[in-house]
Amino acid sequence: VDLGGRRIIKKQGGHEIGTAVILYGADSHMTPMGSFPIAEKNRDYHSRTYDAPMPYSLRLTEDGVAIHGSDVRRGSATHGCVGI
């Protein structure tokens, strides 16, 4: 994930094979930096906390930070997740 470039990059064998535009955490809910193993995969996840669909979720932290499908729009942000 490249927060500065607002994109996620997929690499295979050291070569970039795809990119997508992302949303990330607002100033009040920053997206954590670092390397995180995928703790859980859920194709049809729906957040009870935010009452929002988060399809294709890849949970990264115990407190719920994930990479997930999102309606990516200019000016939007997340509560710490990476929205694709």
N, C-alpha and C. Protein backbone atom coordinates (compact mmCIF):
# COMPACT_ATOMS: atom_id res chain seq x y z
N VAL A 1 0.86 -1.18 0.00
CA VAL A 1 0.00 0.00 0.00
C VAL A 1 0.90 1.23 0.00
N ASP A 2 0.64 2.14 -0.90
CA ASP A 2 1.37 3.40 -1.02
C ASP A 2 0.41 4.51 -0.63
N LEU A 3 0.45 4.91 0.66
CA LEU A 3 -0.48 5.94 1.13
C LEU A 3 -0.24 7.27 0.43
N GLY A 4 1.02 7.64 0.24
CA GLY A 4 1.34 8.91 -0.42
C GLY A 4 0.82 8.97 -1.85
N GLY A 5 0.93 7.84 -2.55
CA GLY A 5 0.45 7.76 -3.92
C GLY A 5 -1.02 7.39 -4.02
N ARG A 6 -1.65 7.11 -2.87
CA ARG A 6 -3.06 6.72 -2.80
C ARG A 6 -3.38 5.54 -3.71
N ARG A 7 -2.54 4.50 -3.60
CA ARG A 7 -2.78 3.31 -4.42
C ARG A 7 -2.26 2.07 -3.72
N ILE A 8 -2.78 0.95 -4.14
CA ILE A 8 -2.28 -0.35 -3.69
C ILE A 8 -1.63 -0.99 -4.91
N ILE A 9 -0.54 -1.66 -4.68
CA ILE A 9 0.24 -2.25 -5.76
C ILE A 9 0.33 -3.75 -5.54
N LYS A 10 0.03 -4.53 -6.56
CA LYS A 10 0.18 -5.98 -6.52
C LYS A 10 1.44 -6.33 -7.29
N LYS A 11 2.32 -7.08 -6.60
CA LYS A 11 3.55 -7.52 -7.25
C LYS A 11 3.61 -9.03 -7.26
N GLN A 12 4.24 -9.56 -8.29
CA GLN A 12 4.45 -10.99 -8.40
C GLN A 12 5.85 -11.19 -8.98
N GLY A 13 6.66 -11.97 -8.28
CA GLY A 13 8.01 -12.19 -8.75
C GLY A 13 8.81 -10.91 -8.85
N GLY A 14 8.52 -9.93 -7.98
CA GLY A 14 9.24 -8.67 -8.01
C GLY A 14 8.76 -7.68 -9.05
N HIS A 15 7.75 -8.05 -9.83
CA HIS A 15 7.24 -7.18 -10.90
C HIS A 15 5.84 -6.69 -10.56
N GLU A 16 5.58 -5.42 -10.83
CA GLU A 16 4.25 -4.86 -10.63
C GLU A 16 3.30 -5.43 -11.68
N ILE A 17 2.20 -6.03 -11.21
CA ILE A 17 1.24 -6.61 -12.15
C ILE A 17 -0.13 -5.95 -12.07
N GLY A 18 -0.31 -5.02 -11.12
CA GLY A 18 -1.59 -4.32 -11.03
C GLY A 18 -1.58 -3.26 -9.96
N THR A 19 -2.44 -2.26 -10.13
CA THR A 19 -2.60 -1.20 -9.14
C THR A 19 -4.07 -0.84 -9.03
N ALA A 20 -4.44 -0.23 -7.92
CA ALA A 20 -5.80 0.28 -7.74
C ALA A 20 -5.73 1.52 -6.85
N VAL A 21 -6.65 2.44 -7.06
CA VAL A 21 -6.78 3.64 -6.23
C VAL A 21 -7.36 3.23 -4.89
N ILE A 22 -6.92 3.90 -3.80
CA ILE A 22 -7.39 3.56 -2.47
C ILE A 22 -7.91 4.77 -1.70
N LEU A 23 -8.67 4.47 -0.65
CA LEU A 23 -8.98 5.42 0.43
C LEU A 23 -8.17 4.94 1.63
N TYR A 24 -7.89 5.84 2.56
CA TYR A 24 -7.23 5.40 3.79
C TYR A 24 -7.72 6.27 4.94
N GLY A 25 -7.18 6.04 6.12
CA GLY A 25 -7.68 6.66 7.34
C GLY A 25 -7.64 8.16 7.38
N ALA A 26 -8.68 8.73 7.99
CA ALA A 26 -8.75 10.16 8.23
C ALA A 26 -7.74 10.53 9.32
N ASP A 27 -7.45 11.82 9.46
CA ASP A 27 -6.49 12.26 10.48
C ASP A 27 -6.87 11.76 11.87
N SER A 28 -8.15 11.65 12.16
CA SER A 28 -8.60 11.19 13.48
C SER A 28 -8.58 9.67 13.62
N HIS A 29 -8.41 8.95 12.51
CA HIS A 29 -8.37 7.48 12.50
C HIS A 29 -7.30 7.04 11.50
N MET A 30 -6.05 7.26 11.84
CA MET A 30 -4.94 7.02 10.91
C MET A 30 -4.81 5.54 10.55
N THR A 31 -4.41 5.28 9.32
CA THR A 31 -4.09 3.94 8.87
C THR A 31 -2.70 3.58 9.40
N PRO A 32 -2.57 2.44 10.08
CA PRO A 32 -1.26 2.08 10.63
C PRO A 32 -0.26 1.77 9.52
N MET A 33 1.00 2.04 9.80
CA MET A 33 2.08 1.77 8.86
C MET A 33 2.80 0.49 9.32
N GLY A 34 3.38 -0.22 8.39
CA GLY A 34 4.14 -1.41 8.72
C GLY A 34 3.74 -2.58 7.87
N SER A 35 4.25 -3.74 8.24
CA SER A 35 3.91 -4.99 7.55
C SER A 35 2.98 -5.80 8.43
N PHE A 36 1.91 -6.29 7.83
CA PHE A 36 0.90 -7.02 8.58
C PHE A 36 0.52 -8.29 7.83
N PRO A 37 0.53 -9.43 8.50
CA PRO A 37 0.03 -10.64 7.85
C PRO A 37 -1.49 -10.57 7.77
N ILE A 38 -2.05 -11.22 6.78
CA ILE A 38 -3.51 -11.29 6.67
C ILE A 38 -4.01 -12.28 7.72
N ALA A 39 -4.79 -11.77 8.68
CA ALA A 39 -5.29 -12.58 9.78
C ALA A 39 -6.58 -13.30 9.43
N GLU A 40 -7.35 -12.73 8.51
CA GLU A 40 -8.66 -13.32 8.15
C GLU A 40 -9.09 -12.79 6.80
N LYS A 41 -9.73 -13.65 6.01
CA LYS A 41 -10.32 -13.26 4.73
C LYS A 41 -11.82 -13.47 4.81
N ASN A 42 -12.60 -12.50 4.31
CA ASN A 42 -14.05 -12.62 4.35
C ASN A 42 -14.63 -11.95 3.11
N ARG A 43 -15.19 -12.74 2.24
CA ARG A 43 -15.72 -12.23 0.97
C ARG A 43 -16.90 -11.28 1.14
N ASP A 44 -17.78 -11.55 2.08
CA ASP A 44 -19.01 -10.77 2.23
C ASP A 44 -19.13 -10.12 3.60
N TYR A 45 -18.05 -9.56 4.14
CA TYR A 45 -18.08 -8.99 5.48
C TYR A 45 -18.96 -7.74 5.52
N HIS A 46 -19.70 -7.59 6.62
CA HIS A 46 -20.52 -6.40 6.88
C HIS A 46 -20.18 -5.93 8.28
N SER A 47 -19.67 -4.70 8.40
CA SER A 47 -19.27 -4.16 9.69
C SER A 47 -20.47 -3.88 10.57
N ARG A 48 -20.46 -4.47 11.77
CA ARG A 48 -21.50 -4.14 12.75
C ARG A 48 -21.22 -2.77 13.36
N THR A 49 -19.96 -2.42 13.51
CA THR A 49 -19.58 -1.14 14.11
C THR A 49 -20.05 0.03 13.27
N TYR A 50 -19.86 -0.04 11.96
CA TYR A 50 -20.20 1.07 11.06
C TYR A 50 -21.43 0.80 10.21
N ASP A 51 -22.06 -0.36 10.38
CA ASP A 51 -23.20 -0.78 9.59
C ASP A 51 -22.95 -0.52 8.10
N ALA A 52 -21.84 -1.09 7.63
CA ALA A 52 -21.42 -0.84 6.25
C ALA A 52 -20.87 -2.12 5.63
N PRO A 53 -21.16 -2.34 4.34
CA PRO A 53 -20.57 -3.49 3.66
C PRO A 53 -19.08 -3.25 3.45
N MET A 54 -18.29 -4.29 3.66
CA MET A 54 -16.84 -4.24 3.45
C MET A 54 -16.44 -5.51 2.71
N PRO A 55 -16.85 -5.61 1.44
CA PRO A 55 -16.62 -6.85 0.69
C PRO A 55 -15.14 -7.14 0.49
N TYR A 56 -14.85 -8.41 0.36
CA TYR A 56 -13.49 -8.89 0.10
C TYR A 56 -12.50 -8.37 1.15
N SER A 57 -12.91 -8.44 2.42
CA SER A 57 -12.08 -7.95 3.52
C SER A 57 -10.89 -8.86 3.79
N LEU A 58 -9.75 -8.22 3.99
CA LEU A 58 -8.52 -8.87 4.42
C LEU A 58 -8.14 -8.19 5.74
N ARG A 59 -8.50 -8.84 6.87
CA ARG A 59 -8.24 -8.22 8.18
C ARG A 59 -6.75 -8.29 8.48
N LEU A 60 -6.20 -7.14 8.92
CA LEU A 60 -4.77 -7.04 9.19
C LEU A 60 -4.43 -6.93 10.66
N THR A 61 -5.32 -6.33 11.47
CA THR A 61 -5.03 -6.13 12.89
C THR A 61 -6.17 -6.65 13.75
N GLU A 62 -5.86 -6.89 15.01
CA GLU A 62 -6.87 -7.38 15.95
C GLU A 62 -7.97 -6.35 16.21
N ASP A 63 -7.66 -5.06 16.06
CA ASP A 63 -8.67 -4.04 16.30
C ASP A 63 -9.48 -3.70 15.05
N GLY A 64 -9.35 -4.51 14.00
CA GLY A 64 -10.26 -4.41 12.86
C GLY A 64 -9.77 -3.69 11.62
N VAL A 65 -8.53 -3.24 11.58
CA VAL A 65 -8.03 -2.59 10.37
C VAL A 65 -7.91 -3.63 9.27
N ALA A 66 -8.43 -3.30 8.09
CA ALA A 66 -8.48 -4.26 6.99
C ALA A 66 -8.28 -3.54 5.65
N ILE A 67 -8.00 -4.33 4.65
CA ILE A 67 -8.08 -3.89 3.26
C ILE A 67 -9.41 -4.44 2.77
N HIS A 68 -10.27 -3.60 2.17
CA HIS A 68 -11.58 -4.09 1.73
C HIS A 68 -12.13 -3.25 0.59
N GLY A 69 -13.09 -3.81 -0.11
CA GLY A 69 -13.79 -3.10 -1.16
C GLY A 69 -14.48 -1.87 -0.58
N SER A 70 -14.50 -0.78 -1.34
CA SER A 70 -15.06 0.47 -0.85
C SER A 70 -15.48 1.34 -2.03
N ASP A 71 -16.35 2.28 -1.76
CA ASP A 71 -16.74 3.26 -2.76
C ASP A 71 -15.70 4.38 -2.71
N VAL A 72 -14.71 4.31 -3.57
CA VAL A 72 -13.60 5.25 -3.55
C VAL A 72 -14.01 6.55 -4.25
N ARG A 73 -14.08 7.62 -3.46
CA ARG A 73 -14.45 8.94 -3.99
C ARG A 73 -13.50 9.99 -3.44
N ARG A 74 -13.17 10.97 -4.24
CA ARG A 74 -12.29 12.06 -3.80
C ARG A 74 -12.86 12.71 -2.55
N GLY A 75 -12.00 12.92 -1.56
CA GLY A 75 -12.41 13.57 -0.32
C GLY A 75 -12.92 12.61 0.74
N SER A 76 -13.11 11.35 0.39
CA SER A 76 -13.57 10.37 1.37
C SER A 76 -12.38 9.78 2.12
N ALA A 77 -12.66 9.21 3.30
CA ALA A 77 -11.63 8.56 4.11
C ALA A 77 -12.27 7.40 4.86
N THR A 78 -11.42 6.62 5.53
CA THR A 78 -11.89 5.49 6.32
C THR A 78 -11.57 5.73 7.80
N HIS A 79 -11.93 4.77 8.61
CA HIS A 79 -11.59 4.80 10.04
C HIS A 79 -10.31 3.99 10.28
N GLY A 80 -9.36 4.05 9.35
CA GLY A 80 -8.08 3.36 9.50
C GLY A 80 -7.86 2.25 8.50
N CYS A 81 -8.92 1.78 7.86
CA CYS A 81 -8.79 0.72 6.86
C CYS A 81 -8.25 1.28 5.54
N VAL A 82 -7.93 0.36 4.64
CA VAL A 82 -7.57 0.72 3.28
C VAL A 82 -8.73 0.27 2.40
N GLY A 83 -9.43 1.23 1.82
CA GLY A 83 -10.57 0.93 0.96
C GLY A 83 -10.14 0.92 -0.49
N ILE A 84 -10.52 -0.13 -1.21
CA ILE A 84 -10.18 -0.26 -2.62
C ILE A 84 -11.44 -0.12 -3.46
